[in-house]
Amino acid sequence: MSPKLKQAFGGVFIANQEFTPESGAAVVAAGEVDAIAFGRTYIANPDLPERIAQNAELNEPDASTFYGKGPKGYTDYPTLAY
């Protein structure tokens, strides 16, 4: 589906649905999309680029905290220890 959408759109095409770092890298490498956006995955992993670079385990997003009041679920996910 993505290659047809990218071709029809004609511009930079960013996909963002349920990709893992591995599956995202594969569709970018195949030229199906130009980039991948990681919405919920990024919320749960504020250090996502570093986690991907280190092939580190990812935190699971807690959907029960989405769109709530306050910082819970947005600023309290653990980061990698440096």
PDB file of N, CA and C in Angstrom:
ATOM      1  N   MET A   1       0.816  -1.196   0.000  1.00  0.00           N
ATOM      2  CA  MET A   1       0.000   0.000   0.000  1.00  0.00           C
ATOM      3  C   MET A   1       0.862   1.264   0.000  1.00  0.00           C
ATOM      4  N   SER A   2       1.919   1.301   0.824  1.00  0.00           N
ATOM      5  CA  SER A   2       2.753   2.501   0.932  1.00  0.00           C
ATOM      6  C   SER A   2       3.387   2.931  -0.383  1.00  0.00           C
ATOM      7  N   PRO A   3       3.951   2.013  -1.199  1.00  0.00           N
ATOM      8  CA  PRO A   3       4.568   2.474  -2.450  1.00  0.00           C
ATOM      9  C   PRO A   3       3.564   3.180  -3.360  1.00  0.00           C
ATOM     10  N   LYS A   4       2.343   2.699  -3.411  1.00  0.00           N
ATOM     11  CA  LYS A   4       1.320   3.348  -4.249  1.00  0.00           C
ATOM     12  C   LYS A   4       0.964   4.723  -3.698  1.00  0.00           C
ATOM     13  N   LEU A   5       0.849   4.827  -2.382  1.00  0.00           N
ATOM     14  CA  LEU A   5       0.554   6.130  -1.775  1.00  0.00           C
ATOM     15  C   LEU A   5       1.692   7.107  -2.013  1.00  0.00           C
ATOM     16  N   LYS A   6       2.929   6.630  -1.848  1.00  0.00           N
ATOM     17  CA  LYS A   6       4.087   7.493  -2.063  1.00  0.00           C
ATOM     18  C   LYS A   6       4.111   8.000  -3.507  1.00  0.00           C
ATOM     19  N   GLN A   7       3.874   7.107  -4.442  1.00  0.00           N
ATOM     20  CA  GLN A   7       3.887   7.496  -5.853  1.00  0.00           C
ATOM     21  C   GLN A   7       2.757   8.477  -6.158  1.00  0.00           C
ATOM     22  N   ALA A   8       1.559   8.217  -5.630  1.00  0.00           N
ATOM     23  CA  ALA A   8       0.416   9.107  -5.882  1.00  0.00           C
ATOM     24  C   ALA A   8       0.641  10.480  -5.265  1.00  0.00           C
ATOM     25  N   PHE A   9       1.244  10.504  -4.081  1.00  0.00           N
ATOM     26  CA  PHE A   9       1.492  11.766  -3.392  1.00  0.00           C
ATOM     27  C   PHE A   9       2.568  12.568  -4.096  1.00  0.00           C
ATOM     28  N   GLY A  10       3.663  11.917  -4.434  1.00  0.00           N
ATOM     29  CA  GLY A  10       4.726  12.588  -5.169  1.00  0.00           C
ATOM     30  C   GLY A  10       5.713  13.367  -4.335  1.00  0.00           C
ATOM     31  N   GLY A  11       5.479  13.482  -3.044  1.00  0.00           N
ATOM     32  CA  GLY A  11       6.393  14.207  -2.174  1.00  0.00           C
ATOM     33  C   GLY A  11       7.037  13.277  -1.175  1.00  0.00           C
ATOM     34  N   VAL A  12       7.640  13.856  -0.164  1.00  0.00           N
ATOM     35  CA  VAL A  12       8.233  13.054   0.904  1.00  0.00           C
ATOM     36  C   VAL A  12       7.103  12.339   1.636  1.00  0.00           C
ATOM     37  N   PHE A  13       7.246  11.034   1.760  1.00  0.00           N
ATOM     38  CA  PHE A  13       6.197  10.215   2.354  1.00  0.00           C
ATOM     39  C   PHE A  13       6.698   9.618   3.663  1.00  0.00           C
ATOM     40  N   ILE A  14       6.039   9.975   4.775  1.00  0.00           N
ATOM     41  CA  ILE A  14       6.412   9.502   6.105  1.00  0.00           C
ATOM     42  C   ILE A  14       5.308   8.585   6.607  1.00  0.00           C
ATOM     43  N   ALA A  15       5.649   7.345   6.900  1.00  0.00           N
ATOM     44  CA  ALA A  15       4.687   6.377   7.423  1.00  0.00           C
ATOM     45  C   ALA A  15       4.786   6.344   8.941  1.00  0.00           C
ATOM     46  N   ASN A  16       3.679   5.948   9.598  1.00  0.00           N
ATOM     47  CA  ASN A  16       3.717   6.006  11.060  1.00  0.00           C
ATOM     48  C   ASN A  16       2.800   5.017  11.763  1.00  0.00           C
ATOM     49  N   GLN A  17       2.509   3.897  11.190  1.00  0.00           N
ATOM     50  CA  GLN A  17       1.554   3.020  11.838  1.00  0.00           C
ATOM     51  C   GLN A  17       2.176   1.696  12.251  1.00  0.00           C
ATOM     52  N   GLU A  18       2.360   1.512  13.556  1.00  0.00           N
ATOM     53  CA  GLU A  18       2.769   0.223  14.118  1.00  0.00           C
ATOM     54  C   GLU A  18       4.117  -0.307  13.627  1.00  0.00           C
ATOM     55  N   PHE A  19       5.059   0.553  13.335  1.00  0.00           N
ATOM     56  CA  PHE A  19       6.377   0.107  12.909  1.00  0.00           C
ATOM     57  C   PHE A  19       7.280  -0.137  14.112  1.00  0.00           C
ATOM     58  N   THR A  20       8.115  -1.141  13.992  1.00  0.00           N
ATOM     59  CA  THR A  20       9.216  -1.351  14.922  1.00  0.00           C
ATOM     60  C   THR A  20      10.440  -0.701  14.281  1.00  0.00           C
ATOM     61  N   PRO A  21      11.517  -0.516  15.026  1.00  0.00           N
ATOM     62  CA  PRO A  21      12.725  -0.005  14.376  1.00  0.00           C
ATOM     63  C   PRO A  21      13.154  -0.871  13.186  1.00  0.00           C
ATOM     64  N   GLU A  22      13.027  -2.187  13.329  1.00  0.00           N
ATOM     65  CA  GLU A  22      13.442  -3.091  12.257  1.00  0.00           C
ATOM     66  C   GLU A  22      12.527  -3.015  11.041  1.00  0.00           C
ATOM     67  N   SER A  23      11.221  -3.042  11.271  1.00  0.00           N
ATOM     68  CA  SER A  23      10.298  -2.993  10.128  1.00  0.00           C
ATOM     69  C   SER A  23      10.339  -1.623   9.464  1.00  0.00           C
ATOM     70  N   GLY A  24      10.537  -0.568  10.255  1.00  0.00           N
ATOM     71  CA  GLY A  24      10.673   0.770   9.687  1.00  0.00           C
ATOM     72  C   GLY A  24      11.909   0.902   8.821  1.00  0.00           C
ATOM     73  N   ALA A  25      13.030   0.380   9.311  1.00  0.00           N
ATOM     74  CA  ALA A  25      14.271   0.421   8.532  1.00  0.00           C
ATOM     75  C   ALA A  25      14.114  -0.347   7.228  1.00  0.00           C
ATOM     76  N   ALA A  26      13.383  -1.449   7.265  1.00  0.00           N
ATOM     77  CA  ALA A  26      13.203  -2.269   6.063  1.00  0.00           C
ATOM     78  C   ALA A  26      12.405  -1.535   4.984  1.00  0.00           C
ATOM     79  N   VAL A  27      11.317  -0.849   5.364  1.00  0.00           N
ATOM     80  CA  VAL A  27      10.522  -0.154   4.338  1.00  0.00           C
ATOM     81  C   VAL A  27      11.231   1.086   3.816  1.00  0.00           C
ATOM     82  N   VAL A  28      12.043   1.730   4.657  1.00  0.00           N
ATOM     83  CA  VAL A  28      12.851   2.864   4.176  1.00  0.00           C
ATOM     84  C   VAL A  28      13.906   2.346   3.207  1.00  0.00           C
ATOM     85  N   ALA A  29      14.592   1.266   3.577  1.00  0.00           N
ATOM     86  CA  ALA A  29      15.633   0.700   2.712  1.00  0.00           C
ATOM     87  C   ALA A  29      15.062   0.227   1.378  1.00  0.00           C
ATOM     88  N   ALA A  30      13.821  -0.253   1.399  1.00  0.00           N
ATOM     89  CA  ALA A  30      13.184  -0.732   0.168  1.00  0.00           C
ATOM     90  C   ALA A  30      12.651   0.417  -0.689  1.00  0.00           C
ATOM     91  N   GLY A  31      12.720   1.651  -0.169  1.00  0.00           N
ATOM     92  CA  GLY A  31      12.235   2.802  -0.927  1.00  0.00           C
ATOM     93  C   GLY A  31      10.728   2.953  -0.916  1.00  0.00           C
ATOM     94  N   GLU A  32      10.054   2.201  -0.057  1.00  0.00           N
ATOM     95  CA  GLU A  32       8.595   2.280   0.011  1.00  0.00           C
ATOM     96  C   GLU A  32       8.124   3.563   0.678  1.00  0.00           C
ATOM     97  N   VAL A  33       8.918   4.089   1.603  1.00  0.00           N
ATOM     98  CA  VAL A  33       8.637   5.343   2.294  1.00  0.00           C
ATOM     99  C   VAL A  33       9.961   6.099   2.432  1.00  0.00           C
ATOM    100  N   ASP A  34       9.862   7.382   2.757  1.00  0.00           N
ATOM    101  CA  ASP A  34      11.075   8.180   2.934  1.00  0.00           C
ATOM    102  C   ASP A  34      11.539   8.225   4.381  1.00  0.00           C
ATOM    103  N   ALA A  35      10.602   8.051   5.307  1.00  0.00           N
ATOM    104  CA  ALA A  35      10.939   8.097   6.734  1.00  0.00           C
ATOM    105  C   ALA A  35       9.821   7.426   7.518  1.00  0.00           C
ATOM    106  N   ILE A  36      10.116   7.135   8.778  1.00  0.00           N
ATOM    107  CA  ILE A  36       9.150   6.545   9.693  1.00  0.00           C
ATOM    108  C   ILE A  36       9.005   7.468  10.890  1.00  0.00           C
ATOM    109  N   ALA A  37       7.762   7.671  11.336  1.00  0.00           N
ATOM    110  CA  ALA A  37       7.486   8.415  12.562  1.00  0.00           C
ATOM    111  C   ALA A  37       7.052   7.421  13.634  1.00  0.00           C
ATOM    112  N   PHE A  38       7.575   7.585  14.828  1.00  0.00           N
ATOM    113  CA  PHE A  38       7.252   6.698  15.939  1.00  0.00           C
ATOM    114  C   PHE A  38       6.519   7.490  17.015  1.00  0.00           C
ATOM    115  N   GLY A  39       5.210   7.626  16.932  1.00  0.00           N
ATOM    116  CA  GLY A  39       4.439   8.419  17.893  1.00  0.00           C
ATOM    117  C   GLY A  39       4.411   7.830  19.284  1.00  0.00           C
ATOM    118  N   ARG A  40       3.600   6.788  19.493  1.00  0.00           N
ATOM    119  CA  ARG A  40       3.458   6.175  20.818  1.00  0.00           C
ATOM    120  C   ARG A  40       4.773   5.572  21.295  1.00  0.00           C
ATOM    121  N   THR A  41       5.526   4.989  20.365  1.00  0.00           N
ATOM    122  CA  THR A  41       6.809   4.407  20.738  1.00  0.00           C
ATOM    123  C   THR A  41       7.753   5.487  21.254  1.00  0.00           C
ATOM    124  N   TYR A  42       7.700   6.671  20.660  1.00  0.00           N
ATOM    125  CA  TYR A  42       8.567   7.766  21.099  1.00  0.00           C
ATOM    126  C   TYR A  42       8.127   8.304  22.459  1.00  0.00           C
ATOM    127  N   ILE A  43       6.819   8.360  22.691  1.00  0.00           N
ATOM    128  CA  ILE A  43       6.341   8.810  23.999  1.00  0.00           C
ATOM    129  C   ILE A  43       6.891   7.904  25.093  1.00  0.00           C
ATOM    130  N   ALA A  44       6.857   6.588  24.850  1.00  0.00           N
ATOM    131  CA  ALA A  44       7.306   5.626  25.856  1.00  0.00           C
ATOM    132  C   ALA A  44       8.820   5.505  25.933  1.00  0.00           C
ATOM    133  N   ASN A  45       9.511   6.052  24.952  1.00  0.00           N
ATOM    134  CA  ASN A  45      10.968   5.946  24.891  1.00  0.00           C
ATOM    135  C   ASN A  45      11.555   7.300  24.517  1.00  0.00           C
ATOM    136  N   PRO A  46      11.656   8.212  25.480  1.00  0.00           N
ATOM    137  CA  PRO A  46      12.146   9.553  25.158  1.00  0.00           C
ATOM    138  C   PRO A  46      13.567   9.555  24.601  1.00  0.00           C
ATOM    139  N   ASP A  47      14.268   8.449  24.794  1.00  0.00           N
ATOM    140  CA  ASP A  47      15.618   8.304  24.264  1.00  0.00           C
ATOM    141  C   ASP A  47      15.625   7.319  23.087  1.00  0.00           C
ATOM    142  N   LEU A  48      14.557   7.303  22.307  1.00  0.00           N
ATOM    143  CA  LEU A  48      14.385   6.329  21.231  1.00  0.00           C
ATOM    144  C   LEU A  48      15.561   6.256  20.262  1.00  0.00           C
ATOM    145  N   PRO A  49      16.101   7.351  19.759  1.00  0.00           N
ATOM    146  CA  PRO A  49      17.244   7.222  18.837  1.00  0.00           C
ATOM    147  C   PRO A  49      18.416   6.461  19.461  1.00  0.00           C
ATOM    148  N   GLU A  50      18.698   6.733  20.732  1.00  0.00           N
ATOM    149  CA  GLU A  50      19.795   6.038  21.413  1.00  0.00           C
ATOM    150  C   GLU A  50      19.461   4.555  21.605  1.00  0.00           C
ATOM    151  N   ARG A  51      18.214   4.250  21.947  1.00  0.00           N
ATOM    152  CA  ARG A  51      17.808   2.853  22.106  1.00  0.00           C
ATOM    153  C   ARG A  51      17.947   2.096  20.787  1.00  0.00           C
ATOM    154  N   ILE A  52      17.542   2.724  19.698  1.00  0.00           N
ATOM    155  CA  ILE A  52      17.666   2.077  18.393  1.00  0.00           C
ATOM    156  C   ILE A  52      19.145   1.864  18.066  1.00  0.00           C
ATOM    157  N   ALA A  53      19.956   2.873  18.298  1.00  0.00           N
ATOM    158  CA  ALA A  53      21.386   2.765  17.998  1.00  0.00           C
ATOM    159  C   ALA A  53      22.054   1.652  18.804  1.00  0.00           C
ATOM    160  N   GLN A  54      21.597   1.452  20.039  1.00  0.00           N
ATOM    161  CA  GLN A  54      22.193   0.439  20.907  1.00  0.00           C
ATOM    162  C   GLN A  54      21.460  -0.901  20.832  1.00  0.00           C
ATOM    163  N   ASN A  55      20.422  -0.956  20.002  1.00  0.00           N
ATOM    164  CA  ASN A  55      19.592  -2.157  19.916  1.00  0.00           C
ATOM    165  C   ASN A  55      19.078  -2.551  21.307  1.00  0.00           C
ATOM    166  N   ALA A  56      18.709  -1.538  22.092  1.00  0.00           N
ATOM    167  CA  ALA A  56      18.238  -1.742  23.459  1.00  0.00           C
ATOM    168  C   ALA A  56      16.747  -2.061  23.460  1.00  0.00           C
ATOM    169  N   GLU A  57      16.311  -2.684  24.535  1.00  0.00           N
ATOM    170  CA  GLU A  57      14.899  -2.997  24.703  1.00  0.00           C
ATOM    171  C   GLU A  57      14.092  -1.699  24.781  1.00  0.00           C
ATOM    172  N   LEU A  58      12.875  -1.736  24.232  1.00  0.00           N
ATOM    173  CA  LEU A  58      11.998  -0.563  24.245  1.00  0.00           C
ATOM    174  C   LEU A  58      10.978  -0.682  25.363  1.00  0.00           C
ATOM    175  N   ASN A  59      10.638   0.464  25.982  1.00  0.00           N
ATOM    176  CA  ASN A  59       9.529   0.510  26.927  1.00  0.00           C
ATOM    177  C   ASN A  59       8.233   0.352  26.152  1.00  0.00           C
ATOM    178  N   GLU A  60       7.254  -0.311  26.744  1.00  0.00           N
ATOM    179  CA  GLU A  60       5.923  -0.426  26.136  1.00  0.00           C
ATOM    180  C   GLU A  60       5.102   0.804  26.511  1.00  0.00           C
ATOM    181  N   PRO A  61       4.417   1.418  25.544  1.00  0.00           N
ATOM    182  CA  PRO A  61       3.552   2.543  25.875  1.00  0.00           C
ATOM    183  C   PRO A  61       2.380   2.086  26.749  1.00  0.00           C
ATOM    184  N   ASP A  62       1.968   2.919  27.670  1.00  0.00           N
ATOM    185  CA  ASP A  62       0.822   2.648  28.528  1.00  0.00           C
ATOM    186  C   ASP A  62      -0.339   3.511  28.038  1.00  0.00           C
ATOM    187  N   ALA A  63      -1.173   2.929  27.174  1.00  0.00           N
ATOM    188  CA  ALA A  63      -2.273   3.676  26.551  1.00  0.00           C
ATOM    189  C   ALA A  63      -3.270   4.210  27.571  1.00  0.00           C
ATOM    190  N   SER A  64      -3.337   3.605  28.749  1.00  0.00           N
ATOM    191  CA  SER A  64      -4.283   4.082  29.761  1.00  0.00           C
ATOM    192  C   SER A  64      -3.920   5.471  30.278  1.00  0.00           C
ATOM    193  N   THR A  65      -2.683   5.916  30.010  1.00  0.00           N
ATOM    194  CA  THR A  65      -2.260   7.242  30.467  1.00  0.00           C
ATOM    195  C   THR A  65      -2.317   8.289  29.355  1.00  0.00           C
ATOM    196  N   PHE A  66      -2.662   7.883  28.139  1.00  0.00           N
ATOM    197  CA  PHE A  66      -2.721   8.842  27.039  1.00  0.00           C
ATOM    198  C   PHE A  66      -3.855   9.840  27.262  1.00  0.00           C
ATOM    199  N   TYR A  67      -3.598  11.074  26.925  1.00  0.00           N
ATOM    200  CA  TYR A  67      -4.588  12.152  26.980  1.00  0.00           C
ATOM    201  C   TYR A  67      -5.105  12.408  28.389  1.00  0.00           C
ATOM    202  N   GLY A  68      -4.315  12.057  29.376  1.00  0.00           N
ATOM    203  CA  GLY A  68      -4.712  12.309  30.753  1.00  0.00           C
ATOM    204  C   GLY A  68      -4.217  13.658  31.222  1.00  0.00           C
ATOM    205  N   LYS A  69      -4.570  13.958  32.429  1.00  0.00           N
ATOM    206  CA  LYS A  69      -4.110  15.207  33.030  1.00  0.00           C
ATOM    207  C   LYS A  69      -2.743  14.977  33.643  1.00  0.00           C
ATOM    208  N   GLY A  70      -1.884  15.924  33.512  1.00  0.00           N
ATOM    209  CA  GLY A  70      -0.583  15.855  34.144  1.00  0.00           C
ATOM    210  C   GLY A  70       0.457  15.082  33.351  1.00  0.00           C
ATOM    211  N   PRO A  71       1.619  14.896  33.954  1.00  0.00           N
ATOM    212  CA  PRO A  71       2.760  14.303  33.249  1.00  0.00           C
ATOM    213  C   PRO A  71       2.751  12.775  33.176  1.00  0.00           C
ATOM    214  N   LYS A  72       1.910  12.081  33.961  1.00  0.00           N
ATOM    215  CA  LYS A  72       1.929  10.612  33.978  1.00  0.00           C
ATOM    216  C   LYS A  72       1.741  10.071  32.576  1.00  0.00           C
ATOM    217  N   GLY A  73       2.669   9.214  32.178  1.00  0.00           N
ATOM    218  CA  GLY A  73       2.611   8.602  30.860  1.00  0.00           C
ATOM    219  C   GLY A  73       3.306   9.404  29.772  1.00  0.00           C
ATOM    220  N   TYR A  74       3.778  10.588  30.116  1.00  0.00           N
ATOM    221  CA  TYR A  74       4.467  11.411  29.118  1.00  0.00           C
ATOM    222  C   TYR A  74       5.902  11.727  29.529  1.00  0.00           C
ATOM    223  N   THR A  75       6.131  11.886  30.795  1.00  0.00           N
ATOM    224  CA  THR A  75       7.479  12.271  31.230  1.00  0.00           C
ATOM    225  C   THR A  75       8.066  11.319  32.263  1.00  0.00           C
ATOM    226  N   ASP A  76       7.401  10.203  32.524  1.00  0.00           N
ATOM    227  CA  ASP A  76       7.888   9.324  33.577  1.00  0.00           C
ATOM    228  C   ASP A  76       8.372   7.954  33.094  1.00  0.00           C
ATOM    229  N   TYR A  77       8.561   7.781  31.811  1.00  0.00           N
ATOM    230  CA  TYR A  77       9.111   6.515  31.317  1.00  0.00           C
ATOM    231  C   TYR A  77      10.610   6.480  31.599  1.00  0.00           C
ATOM    232  N   PRO A  78      11.119   5.307  31.947  1.00  0.00           N
ATOM    233  CA  PRO A  78      12.555   5.212  32.234  1.00  0.00           C
ATOM    234  C   PRO A  78      13.410   5.374  30.972  1.00  0.00           C
ATOM    235  N   THR A  79      14.540   6.009  31.146  1.00  0.00           N
ATOM    236  CA  THR A  79      15.507   6.148  30.059  1.00  0.00           C
ATOM    237  C   THR A  79      16.676   5.194  30.311  1.00  0.00           C
ATOM    238  N   LEU A  80      17.513   5.038  29.317  1.00  0.00           N
ATOM    239  CA  LEU A  80      18.695   4.199  29.472  1.00  0.00           C
ATOM    240  C   LEU A  80      19.620   4.806  30.516  1.00  0.00           C
ATOM    241  N   ALA A  81      20.278   3.970  31.251  1.00  0.00           N
ATOM    242  CA  ALA A  81      21.274   4.448  32.207  1.00  0.00           C
ATOM    243  C   ALA A  81      22.561   4.748  31.454  1.00  0.00           C
ATOM    244  N   TYR A  82      23.137   5.891  31.714  1.00  0.00           N
ATOM    245  CA  TYR A  82      24.370   6.280  31.024  1.00  0.00           C
ATOM    246  C   TYR A  82      25.544   6.207  31.947  1.00  0.00           C
TER     247      TYR A  82
END
